[in-house]
Amino acid sequence: MTTTTRRRVGIAGAIVGAASAGVAAAALAKRYAVGRIRLRPDTEASELFGELGGREHTLITSDEVALHVEVDGPEDAPLTIVFCHGYCLSLESWHYQRKDLRESHRLVLWDQRSHGRSQRATPDGSTIDRLGDDLAELIEEFVPGPCVLVGHSMGGMTIMALADRHPHLFGDKVRGVALISTSAGKLAELTLGLPALLSKALHKVAPATVSMLGRRGALVDRTRHAGSDIAFLITRYMGFGDSKNVSPTVVDFAESMIRATPTEVFADFYPALMNHDKLAALHVLDPVPTAILVGDGDWLTPPEHSEAIAAALPKAQLTEVPDTSHLIQLERPGAVNDVLRDLAKRVELS
């Protein structure tokens, strides 16, 4: 071996060694970070997430998708509250709201198509407009009297699609609306807290990347290890932002819902979310009491999106919760519950 060759081998070995050391150091740092988080006092460690059972039903939609529905609370309550969950979540994401309101109000919770315990839809059926039609059919089947609609993230978009496609329901059947951590459009312009150039590059490659992941969904799902450190950190960062006080048990609960959503479903709905634009339909909500709620640290549906909704609905009440991110109903359940109780009271008095 020549001197030049030995030098190249030595340099290559040093690079590989440094890279290996870097990967090992990153893994160690990640494990250390998660370990430190889990060692903090956890006030929610004994919370019975996923165990608040209700009266279970199945709704077969007009395009023959079976939706899982749960009805909770007193059947004779004068007002029904319908909960619409977000992207890659399930009806269990309303755990704290269900726990707080189930004694006083009739509740209808449902897993949106392809999520939770509902049946998988085709890619063509994975649209926001179709979710709005699902909600209309759910109201017809399970809401005998007046109701308040509550939507988080994609669930808020479902309500906007309902307003766009079934405006006659608002004012008579639908008496109030809560839009939580959601958007009326322009999600493709989100920076996710990244520098502008990096964010632009990410959005440029994201559609093709998500499409590729969808085509290899079964393979990807086999690699999504239950309770992995990296999944914990990503969920904590994206769902709960910089909060240092969020319960590790709550993060694990949120991550379990996300992990239970197949990669193909994530890919099927991604274009619908990026193309969502219902700003012109918001006027339908104007006659009914409307509450808008967002965390000031939400990177997925930033406060500016809630402010745009509020600008289109001048009579709506906008609440911005400090030091809070996207999964606000799990991170600050008290703030969300207070807004929902106030909204229900306003509806009952109107």
Protein backbone atom coordinates (compact mmCIF):
# COMPACT_ATOMS: atom_id res chain seq x y z
CA MET A 1 0.00 0.00 0.00
CA THR A 2 1.42 3.34 -1.02
CA THR A 3 1.83 6.26 1.32
CA THR A 4 -0.99 8.12 -0.48
CA THR A 5 -3.33 5.16 -0.18
CA ARG A 6 -2.54 4.71 3.52
CA ARG A 7 -3.22 8.41 4.05
CA ARG A 8 -6.62 8.15 2.30
CA VAL A 9 -7.55 5.05 4.27
CA GLY A 10 -6.54 6.81 7.46
CA ILE A 11 -8.60 9.89 6.62
CA ALA A 12 -11.60 7.75 5.67
CA GLY A 13 -11.26 5.78 8.89
CA ALA A 14 -11.11 9.00 10.90
CA ILE A 15 -14.24 10.31 9.17
CA VAL A 16 -16.12 7.05 9.78
CA GLY A 17 -14.89 6.97 13.35
CA ALA A 18 -15.94 10.56 13.95
CA ALA A 19 -19.34 9.93 12.35
CA SER A 20 -19.85 6.81 14.46
CA ALA A 21 -18.84 8.70 17.57
CA GLY A 22 -21.23 11.50 16.60
CA VAL A 23 -24.13 9.09 16.14
CA ALA A 24 -23.33 7.39 19.44
CA ALA A 25 -23.06 10.74 21.21
CA ALA A 26 -26.38 11.90 19.72
CA ALA A 27 -28.08 8.67 20.80
CA LEU A 28 -26.63 9.00 24.27
CA ALA A 29 -27.70 12.64 24.49
CA LYS A 30 -31.20 11.73 23.29
CA ARG A 31 -31.48 8.96 25.88
CA TYR A 32 -30.15 11.28 28.57
CA ALA A 33 -32.65 14.01 27.61
CA VAL A 34 -35.62 11.62 27.66
CA GLY A 35 -34.40 10.11 30.92
CA ARG A 36 -34.21 13.52 32.58
CA ILE A 37 -37.72 14.41 31.37
CA ARG A 38 -39.17 11.16 32.70
CA LEU A 39 -37.53 11.67 36.08
CA ARG A 40 -39.46 14.89 36.68
CA PRO A 41 -42.54 14.78 38.92
CA ASP A 42 -45.48 13.55 36.80
CA THR A 43 -48.85 14.65 38.15
CA GLU A 44 -50.69 12.72 35.42
CA ALA A 45 -48.97 9.37 35.96
CA SER A 46 -52.15 7.77 37.33
CA GLU A 47 -54.57 9.35 34.83
CA LEU A 48 -56.76 6.70 33.14
CA PHE A 49 -56.22 7.74 29.54
CA GLY A 50 -58.32 5.80 27.04
CA GLU A 51 -60.58 4.29 29.71
CA LEU A 52 -63.54 6.70 29.70
CA GLY A 53 -65.99 4.44 27.94
CA GLY A 54 -69.30 5.60 26.49
CA ARG A 55 -72.25 4.11 24.64
CA GLU A 56 -70.69 2.76 21.45
CA HIS A 57 -72.31 3.04 18.02
CA THR A 58 -71.37 2.64 14.37
CA LEU A 59 -72.35 5.09 11.65
CA ILE A 60 -72.24 3.83 8.06
CA THR A 61 -71.67 6.87 5.87
CA SER A 62 -73.23 7.45 2.46
CA ASP A 63 -70.01 6.19 0.85
CA GLU A 64 -70.09 3.09 3.08
CA VAL A 65 -67.32 3.86 5.57
CA ALA A 66 -67.98 2.62 9.11
CA LEU A 67 -67.34 5.33 11.69
CA HIS A 68 -66.85 4.62 15.38
CA VAL A 69 -69.07 6.85 17.56
CA GLU A 70 -69.43 7.15 21.32
CA VAL A 71 -72.27 8.91 23.13
CA ASP A 72 -71.68 9.98 26.73
CA GLY A 73 -73.49 11.92 29.42
CA PRO A 74 -77.22 12.19 30.17
CA GLU A 75 -79.48 11.42 27.21
CA ASP A 76 -82.02 14.02 28.33
CA ALA A 77 -79.53 16.91 28.49
CA PRO A 78 -80.89 19.89 26.52
CA LEU A 79 -77.60 20.48 24.66
CA THR A 80 -75.30 18.04 22.85
CA ILE A 81 -71.61 18.79 22.39
CA VAL A 82 -70.00 17.11 19.36
CA PHE A 83 -66.21 16.68 19.41
CA CYS A 84 -64.17 16.45 16.19
CA HIS A 85 -60.55 15.40 16.74
CA GLY A 86 -57.40 16.33 14.83
CA TYR A 87 -55.10 14.78 12.23
CA CYS A 88 -53.51 11.48 13.33
CA LEU A 89 -55.39 11.55 16.64
CA SER A 90 -58.63 9.93 17.82
CA LEU A 91 -61.66 10.71 19.95
CA GLU A 92 -59.53 9.82 23.00
CA SER A 93 -57.70 13.14 22.53
CA TRP A 94 -60.72 14.77 24.22
CA HIS A 95 -60.05 12.85 27.44
CA TYR A 96 -60.02 15.84 29.80
CA GLN A 97 -62.99 17.56 28.14
CA ARG A 98 -65.02 14.38 28.27
CA LYS A 99 -64.13 13.88 31.92
CA ASP A 100 -65.16 17.45 32.78
CA LEU A 101 -68.40 17.70 30.78
CA ARG A 102 -69.90 14.22 30.81
CA GLU A 103 -71.93 14.77 33.98
CA SER A 104 -73.67 17.92 32.75
CA HIS A 105 -73.93 17.59 28.96
CA ARG A 106 -74.73 15.00 26.35
CA LEU A 107 -71.53 14.32 24.42
CA VAL A 108 -70.98 12.81 20.98
CA LEU A 109 -67.40 11.82 20.15
CA TRP A 110 -66.31 10.13 16.93
CA ASP A 111 -63.23 8.83 15.22
CA GLN A 112 -62.92 10.57 11.87
CA ARG A 113 -62.59 8.22 8.91
CA SER A 114 -59.33 6.27 8.79
CA HIS A 115 -58.53 7.33 12.37
CA GLY A 116 -58.95 5.55 15.70
CA ARG A 117 -61.46 2.72 15.45
CA SER A 118 -63.14 3.97 12.29
CA GLN A 119 -62.78 2.18 8.97
CA ARG A 120 -60.07 3.10 6.50
CA ALA A 121 -61.25 5.22 3.58
CA THR A 122 -59.84 5.26 0.08
CA PRO A 123 -57.39 8.03 -0.87
CA ASP A 124 -60.16 9.63 -2.96
CA GLY A 125 -62.39 9.67 0.12
CA SER A 126 -59.72 11.25 2.31
CA THR A 127 -60.71 14.89 1.90
CA ILE A 128 -61.80 17.70 4.19
CA ASP A 129 -65.06 18.09 2.24
CA ARG A 130 -65.85 14.41 2.83
CA LEU A 131 -65.19 14.89 6.54
CA GLY A 132 -67.72 17.73 6.49
CA ASP A 133 -70.28 15.39 4.91
CA ASP A 134 -69.49 12.75 7.55
CA LEU A 135 -70.20 15.32 10.26
CA ALA A 136 -73.53 16.24 8.66
CA GLU A 137 -74.54 12.56 8.65
CA LEU A 138 -73.35 12.15 12.25
CA ILE A 139 -75.47 15.12 13.38
CA GLU A 140 -78.53 13.74 11.60
CA GLU A 141 -78.13 10.33 13.25
CA PHE A 142 -76.93 11.14 16.77
CA VAL A 143 -77.97 14.71 17.62
CA PRO A 144 -81.72 14.94 18.35
CA GLY A 145 -81.69 18.58 19.47
CA PRO A 146 -79.44 21.65 19.42
CA CYS A 147 -75.68 21.16 19.55
CA VAL A 148 -72.33 22.82 19.91
CA LEU A 149 -69.53 21.68 17.59
CA VAL A 150 -65.98 21.52 18.90
CA GLY A 151 -63.08 20.93 16.51
CA HIS A 152 -59.35 20.68 17.10
CA SER A 153 -56.93 21.14 14.19
CA MET A 154 -58.30 18.99 11.32
CA GLY A 155 -61.52 18.71 13.33
CA GLY A 156 -61.93 22.48 13.08
CA MET A 157 -61.48 22.18 9.31
CA THR A 158 -64.20 19.51 9.32
CA ILE A 159 -66.57 22.05 10.88
CA MET A 160 -65.59 24.64 8.25
CA ALA A 161 -66.33 22.09 5.51
CA LEU A 162 -69.72 21.46 7.12
CA ALA A 163 -70.41 25.21 7.00
CA ASP A 164 -69.37 25.30 3.35
CA ARG A 165 -71.43 22.29 2.25
CA HIS A 166 -74.35 22.29 4.72
CA PRO A 167 -74.87 25.93 5.78
CA HIS A 168 -78.56 25.36 6.60
CA LEU A 169 -77.54 23.49 9.78
CA PHE A 170 -76.10 26.61 11.43
CA GLY A 171 -78.41 28.69 13.56
CA ASP A 172 -81.06 26.00 14.03
CA LYS A 173 -79.33 22.70 14.70
CA VAL A 174 -75.82 24.00 15.31
CA ARG A 175 -76.09 26.70 17.99
CA GLY A 176 -72.41 27.23 18.80
CA VAL A 177 -68.90 26.43 17.55
CA ALA A 178 -65.45 26.12 19.14
CA LEU A 179 -62.45 26.19 16.80
CA ILE A 180 -59.32 25.05 18.61
CA SER A 181 -55.77 25.21 17.21
CA THR A 182 -57.00 25.17 13.63
CA SER A 183 -56.74 27.05 10.34
CA ALA A 184 -58.94 28.24 7.49
CA GLY A 185 -56.11 27.76 4.98
CA LYS A 186 -52.52 28.44 3.89
CA LEU A 187 -51.03 25.58 5.90
CA ALA A 188 -48.51 25.08 3.08
CA GLU A 189 -46.90 28.36 4.14
CA LEU A 190 -46.07 27.27 7.70
CA THR A 191 -42.48 27.75 8.83
CA LEU A 192 -42.70 25.27 11.74
CA GLY A 193 -40.30 27.54 13.59
CA LEU A 194 -37.59 26.99 10.98
CA PRO A 195 -35.55 29.65 9.16
CA ALA A 196 -37.30 30.87 6.00
CA LEU A 197 -34.97 29.20 3.48
CA LEU A 198 -35.03 25.86 5.29
CA SER A 199 -38.82 26.03 5.65
CA LYS A 200 -39.22 26.77 1.93
CA ALA A 201 -36.99 23.83 1.03
CA LEU A 202 -38.92 21.55 3.39
CA HIS A 203 -42.27 22.45 1.83
CA LYS A 204 -40.80 21.87 -1.63
CA VAL A 205 -39.78 18.29 -0.91
CA ALA A 206 -42.57 17.39 1.54
CA PRO A 207 -45.31 16.36 -0.95
CA ALA A 208 -43.06 13.91 -2.81
CA THR A 209 -41.63 12.59 0.46
CA VAL A 210 -45.05 12.05 2.03
CA SER A 211 -46.29 10.37 -1.16
CA MET A 212 -43.29 8.03 -1.12
CA LEU A 213 -43.88 7.18 2.55
CA GLY A 214 -47.50 6.44 1.75
CA ARG A 215 -46.53 3.99 -0.99
CA ARG A 216 -44.26 2.21 1.48
CA GLY A 217 -46.63 2.63 4.42
CA ALA A 218 -46.64 -0.99 5.57
CA LEU A 219 -42.83 -1.07 5.65
CA VAL A 220 -42.62 2.28 7.45
CA ASP A 221 -45.15 1.18 10.07
CA ARG A 222 -43.02 -1.84 10.94
CA THR A 223 -40.19 0.52 11.88
CA ARG A 224 -42.26 2.80 14.12
CA HIS A 225 -41.15 1.28 17.40
CA ALA A 226 -43.57 1.59 20.28
CA GLY A 227 -42.54 4.20 22.80
CA SER A 228 -39.20 5.01 21.16
CA ASP A 229 -37.18 7.91 22.52
CA ILE A 230 -37.16 9.75 19.20
CA ALA A 231 -40.97 9.46 18.85
CA PHE A 232 -41.34 10.79 22.39
CA LEU A 233 -39.09 13.79 21.68
CA ILE A 234 -40.75 14.61 18.33
CA THR A 235 -44.24 14.45 19.85
CA ARG A 236 -43.17 16.57 22.79
CA TYR A 237 -41.52 19.16 20.55
CA MET A 238 -44.20 19.38 17.85
CA GLY A 239 -47.25 18.94 20.08
CA PHE A 240 -46.19 20.70 23.24
CA GLY A 241 -43.49 23.12 22.07
CA ASP A 242 -41.03 24.42 24.62
CA SER A 243 -43.15 23.56 27.64
CA LYS A 244 -40.97 22.16 30.40
CA ASN A 245 -43.92 21.17 32.57
CA VAL A 246 -45.87 18.87 30.28
CA SER A 247 -46.44 15.43 31.77
CA PRO A 248 -44.41 12.57 30.19
CA THR A 249 -47.53 10.42 30.57
CA VAL A 250 -49.51 12.91 28.48
CA VAL A 251 -46.76 12.94 25.83
CA ASP A 252 -46.76 9.13 25.72
CA PHE A 253 -50.56 9.14 25.38
CA ALA A 254 -50.44 11.59 22.46
CA GLU A 255 -47.61 9.64 20.82
CA SER A 256 -49.59 6.40 21.10
CA MET A 257 -52.50 7.93 19.14
CA ILE A 258 -50.15 9.24 16.46
CA ARG A 259 -48.33 5.90 16.23
CA ALA A 260 -51.66 4.06 15.88
CA THR A 261 -52.44 6.08 12.73
CA PRO A 262 -51.09 4.18 9.69
CA THR A 263 -48.52 6.00 7.57
CA GLU A 264 -50.79 5.55 4.54
CA VAL A 265 -53.51 7.55 6.33
CA PHE A 266 -51.00 10.28 7.16
CA ALA A 267 -50.10 10.41 3.46
CA ASP A 268 -53.70 10.22 2.19
CA PHE A 269 -54.86 13.26 4.19
CA TYR A 270 -51.72 15.38 3.81
CA PRO A 271 -52.68 16.93 0.42
CA ALA A 272 -56.17 17.75 1.72
CA LEU A 273 -54.69 19.63 4.67
CA MET A 274 -52.22 21.54 2.54
CA ASN A 275 -54.94 22.53 0.04
CA HIS A 276 -57.54 23.39 2.70
CA ASP A 277 -59.11 26.82 2.13
CA LYS A 278 -62.44 27.61 3.79
CA LEU A 279 -61.98 31.28 4.66
CA ALA A 280 -64.90 32.18 2.37
CA ALA A 281 -67.22 29.79 4.26
CA LEU A 282 -66.62 31.25 7.71
CA HIS A 283 -69.45 33.79 7.40
CA VAL A 284 -71.86 30.87 7.89
CA LEU A 285 -70.67 30.67 11.52
CA ASP A 286 -71.29 34.37 12.17
CA PRO A 287 -74.88 34.01 13.48
CA VAL A 288 -73.89 31.51 16.22
CA PRO A 289 -71.68 32.06 19.28
CA THR A 290 -68.16 31.07 18.28
CA ALA A 291 -65.07 30.57 20.43
CA ILE A 292 -61.58 30.49 18.91
CA LEU A 293 -58.76 29.10 21.01
CA VAL A 294 -55.03 28.78 20.28
CA GLY A 295 -51.74 28.46 22.13
CA ASP A 296 -49.28 31.29 21.59
CA GLY A 297 -46.54 28.71 20.94
CA ASP A 298 -48.44 26.64 18.36
CA TRP A 299 -46.12 25.93 15.41
CA LEU A 300 -48.52 23.69 13.47
CA THR A 301 -51.46 26.11 13.34
CA PRO A 302 -49.91 29.39 14.59
CA PRO A 303 -51.89 32.18 16.28
CA GLU A 304 -51.96 34.15 13.01
CA HIS A 305 -54.30 31.51 11.59
CA SER A 306 -56.72 31.89 14.50
CA GLU A 307 -56.45 35.66 14.16
CA ALA A 308 -57.43 35.36 10.48
CA ILE A 309 -60.49 33.33 11.50
CA ALA A 310 -61.37 35.93 14.14
CA ALA A 311 -61.05 38.72 11.58
CA ALA A 312 -63.64 36.94 9.43
CA LEU A 313 -65.91 36.42 12.46
CA PRO A 314 -65.98 39.78 14.29
CA LYS A 315 -68.47 38.53 16.90
CA ALA A 316 -66.32 35.52 17.84
CA GLN A 317 -64.30 35.38 21.05
CA LEU A 318 -60.58 34.73 20.51
CA THR A 319 -58.53 33.33 23.39
CA GLU A 320 -54.74 32.99 23.09
CA VAL A 321 -53.28 30.83 25.85
CA PRO A 322 -49.71 31.71 26.86
CA ASP A 323 -46.88 29.16 26.92
CA THR A 324 -48.99 26.57 25.10
CA SER A 325 -48.62 24.68 21.82
CA HIS A 326 -50.75 22.63 19.42
CA LEU A 327 -52.16 19.88 21.66
CA ILE A 328 -53.76 22.48 23.89
CA GLN A 329 -56.66 20.25 25.01
CA LEU A 330 -54.12 17.90 26.62
CA GLU A 331 -51.55 20.50 27.68
CA ARG A 332 -53.96 23.09 29.16
CA PRO A 333 -57.23 21.20 29.68
CA GLY A 334 -58.47 23.67 32.29
CA ALA A 335 -58.26 26.58 29.85
CA VAL A 336 -60.07 24.60 27.14
CA ASN A 337 -62.74 23.35 29.53
CA ASP A 338 -63.42 26.89 30.78
CA VAL A 339 -63.92 28.14 27.22
CA LEU A 340 -66.25 25.24 26.37
CA ARG A 341 -68.34 25.69 29.52
CA ASP A 342 -68.64 29.41 28.84
CA LEU A 343 -69.65 28.74 25.23
CA ALA A 344 -72.27 26.18 26.29
CA LYS A 345 -73.68 28.65 28.79
CA ARG A 346 -73.90 31.39 26.15
CA VAL A 347 -75.72 29.00 23.82
CA GLU A 348 -78.15 27.88 26.53
CA LEU A 349 -78.94 31.51 27.41
CA SER A 350 -79.39 32.63 23.80
